[in-house]
Amino acid sequence: MSASQPAARRTVLRGAAALAGAVGAGPVLAACSTATGTGGNSPAVPTAPVELGAVAEVPVGGAKLFREKKLIVSCPAEGQYKAFSAQCTHAGCVLDKIVEGEGNCPCHGSRFDTGTGAVLRGPATDPLPAVPVRAENGRLIAG
């Protein structure tokens, strides 16, 4: 085949398939990125006090995900609160929901105990970092 002849159909199709595969893999690879869904390169725990909301938002015996603040707060007993980073310790994705006391990582399926921060299912191996939390004037303050 000379340089002036058009590319063979097979070559064109092969190139198109490779391009489609690369484009399609972009969102999948981005889901593994520590910046995806985490608010960029912000730290896993607050560096200054953060107001989360009313204490009534966290049910006694349950937990609430404050996804935009990357925090989980649990209330094991009336007036007692525990907080943990909601950023997965595996790849840095922010947990997306709480199901039956377990925080779920949407990127790779790690699960964490919302009352202790412990890993319940990997691939994460490290627990969620604890964050100081207190109730002040009916509001939760973390950090």
Protein backbone atom coordinates (compact mmCIF):
# COMPACT_ATOMS: atom_id res chain seq x y z
CA MET A 1 0.00 0.00 0.00
CA SER A 2 1.46 3.38 -0.97
CA ALA A 3 1.44 6.48 1.26
CA SER A 4 -1.08 8.18 -1.04
CA GLN A 5 -3.73 5.43 -0.68
CA PRO A 6 -6.46 5.84 1.97
CA ALA A 7 -6.18 3.77 5.15
CA ALA A 8 -7.74 0.34 5.05
CA ARG A 9 -11.19 0.02 6.61
CA ARG A 10 -9.86 -2.35 9.28
CA THR A 11 -7.22 0.19 10.36
CA VAL A 12 -9.81 2.94 10.67
CA LEU A 13 -12.17 0.72 12.69
CA ARG A 14 -9.35 -0.46 14.95
CA GLY A 15 -8.37 3.16 15.65
CA ALA A 16 -11.99 4.14 16.36
CA ALA A 17 -12.40 1.22 18.79
CA ALA A 18 -9.22 2.17 20.65
CA LEU A 19 -10.37 5.78 20.92
CA ALA A 20 -13.82 4.75 22.18
CA GLY A 21 -12.21 2.48 24.78
CA ALA A 22 -9.95 5.27 26.00
CA VAL A 23 -12.84 7.74 26.24
CA GLY A 24 -15.08 5.19 27.97
CA ALA A 25 -12.38 4.36 30.52
CA GLY A 26 -12.05 8.02 31.53
CA PRO A 27 -15.04 8.11 33.92
CA VAL A 28 -14.07 4.74 35.41
CA LEU A 29 -10.52 5.86 36.08
CA ALA A 30 -11.75 9.18 37.40
CA ALA A 31 -13.88 7.32 39.97
CA CYS A 32 -10.65 5.94 41.44
CA SER A 33 -9.15 9.39 41.76
CA THR A 34 -8.84 10.81 45.24
CA ALA A 35 -10.12 14.12 43.88
CA THR A 36 -13.39 12.73 42.54
CA GLY A 37 -16.26 13.36 44.91
CA THR A 38 -13.95 14.60 47.65
CA GLY A 39 -13.92 18.31 46.98
CA GLY A 40 -10.45 18.32 45.43
CA ASN A 41 -7.37 17.84 47.56
CA SER A 42 -8.97 19.00 50.80
CA PRO A 43 -7.90 17.16 53.97
CA ALA A 44 -9.78 14.11 55.25
CA VAL A 45 -10.52 15.83 58.56
CA PRO A 46 -11.42 19.47 59.23
CA THR A 47 -8.54 21.77 60.10
CA ALA A 48 -10.87 24.25 61.80
CA PRO A 49 -14.23 23.93 63.59
CA VAL A 50 -17.11 23.18 61.21
CA GLU A 51 -20.80 23.64 62.05
CA LEU A 52 -22.75 20.63 60.82
CA GLY A 53 -26.35 21.31 61.80
CA ALA A 54 -28.85 20.69 64.56
CA VAL A 55 -28.20 17.88 67.02
CA ALA A 56 -31.72 16.61 66.24
CA GLU A 57 -30.53 15.68 62.72
CA VAL A 58 -28.58 12.74 64.17
CA PRO A 59 -30.94 10.08 65.57
CA VAL A 60 -30.14 8.45 68.90
CA GLY A 61 -28.73 5.01 68.08
CA GLY A 62 -28.07 6.06 64.49
CA ALA A 63 -25.81 8.20 62.34
CA LYS A 64 -25.96 10.92 59.72
CA LEU A 65 -23.68 11.51 56.76
CA PHE A 66 -22.72 15.15 56.21
CA ARG A 67 -21.31 14.42 52.76
CA GLU A 68 -20.60 18.03 51.78
CA LYS A 69 -18.47 18.36 54.95
CA LYS A 70 -16.99 14.85 54.50
CA LEU A 71 -18.09 13.76 57.98
CA ILE A 72 -20.20 11.07 59.62
CA VAL A 73 -21.69 11.71 63.07
CA SER A 74 -23.21 8.97 65.19
CA CYS A 75 -25.20 9.26 68.40
CA PRO A 76 -24.79 6.09 70.51
CA ALA A 77 -26.83 7.59 73.38
CA GLU A 78 -28.76 10.80 74.08
CA GLY A 79 -26.31 13.71 74.13
CA GLN A 80 -23.28 11.61 73.08
CA TYR A 81 -21.77 12.10 69.64
CA LYS A 82 -18.90 10.55 67.71
CA ALA A 83 -17.60 11.86 64.41
CA PHE A 84 -15.40 10.34 61.72
CA SER A 85 -14.05 11.45 58.40
CA ALA A 86 -16.35 10.29 55.59
CA GLN A 87 -13.41 10.05 53.19
CA CYS A 88 -12.58 6.42 52.42
CA THR A 89 -9.12 5.40 53.58
CA HIS A 90 -8.60 3.28 50.46
CA ALA A 91 -8.66 5.78 47.59
CA GLY A 92 -10.09 8.92 49.14
CA CYS A 93 -13.62 8.85 47.75
CA VAL A 94 -16.33 10.37 49.95
CA LEU A 95 -18.84 7.90 51.35
CA ASP A 96 -22.22 8.26 49.67
CA LYS A 97 -24.74 6.73 52.05
CA ILE A 98 -25.39 4.95 55.32
CA VAL A 99 -27.20 1.61 55.20
CA GLU A 100 -27.95 -0.25 58.44
CA GLY A 101 -25.18 1.49 60.36
CA GLU A 102 -22.59 1.07 57.62
CA GLY A 103 -21.03 3.90 55.61
CA ASN A 104 -20.66 2.94 51.96
CA CYS A 105 -17.84 3.95 49.62
CA PRO A 106 -19.22 4.21 46.07
CA CYS A 107 -15.84 3.79 44.38
CA HIS A 108 -14.73 0.31 45.41
CA GLY A 109 -17.34 -0.92 47.90
CA SER A 110 -15.54 -0.48 51.20
CA ARG A 111 -17.89 -0.38 54.19
CA PHE A 112 -17.30 1.26 57.57
CA ASP A 113 -19.01 1.05 60.97
CA THR A 114 -20.55 4.49 61.53
CA GLY A 115 -20.25 4.13 65.32
CA THR A 116 -16.56 3.24 65.44
CA GLY A 117 -15.08 4.06 62.02
CA ALA A 118 -13.86 0.44 61.73
CA VAL A 119 -13.53 -1.22 58.34
CA LEU A 120 -16.27 -3.80 57.83
CA ARG A 121 -15.44 -4.66 54.20
CA GLY A 122 -12.42 -3.81 52.05
CA PRO A 123 -10.54 -3.00 50.00
CA ALA A 124 -9.92 -0.32 52.68
CA THR A 125 -7.75 -1.62 55.52
CA ASP A 126 -7.54 1.46 57.76
CA PRO A 127 -10.44 2.79 59.86
CA LEU A 128 -11.97 6.20 59.28
CA PRO A 129 -10.11 8.88 61.27
CA ALA A 130 -11.96 10.11 64.36
CA VAL A 131 -12.86 13.80 64.48
CA PRO A 132 -13.66 15.70 67.68
CA VAL A 133 -17.33 16.70 67.83
CA ARG A 134 -19.41 18.56 70.39
CA ALA A 135 -22.92 19.87 70.83
CA GLU A 136 -23.10 23.62 71.39
CA ASN A 137 -26.37 25.55 71.66
CA GLY A 138 -28.25 22.71 69.95
CA ARG A 139 -25.78 22.60 67.04
CA LEU A 140 -23.07 20.06 66.20
CA ILE A 141 -19.55 21.43 65.83
CA ALA A 142 -16.82 19.15 64.45
CA GLY A 143 -13.07 19.69 64.35
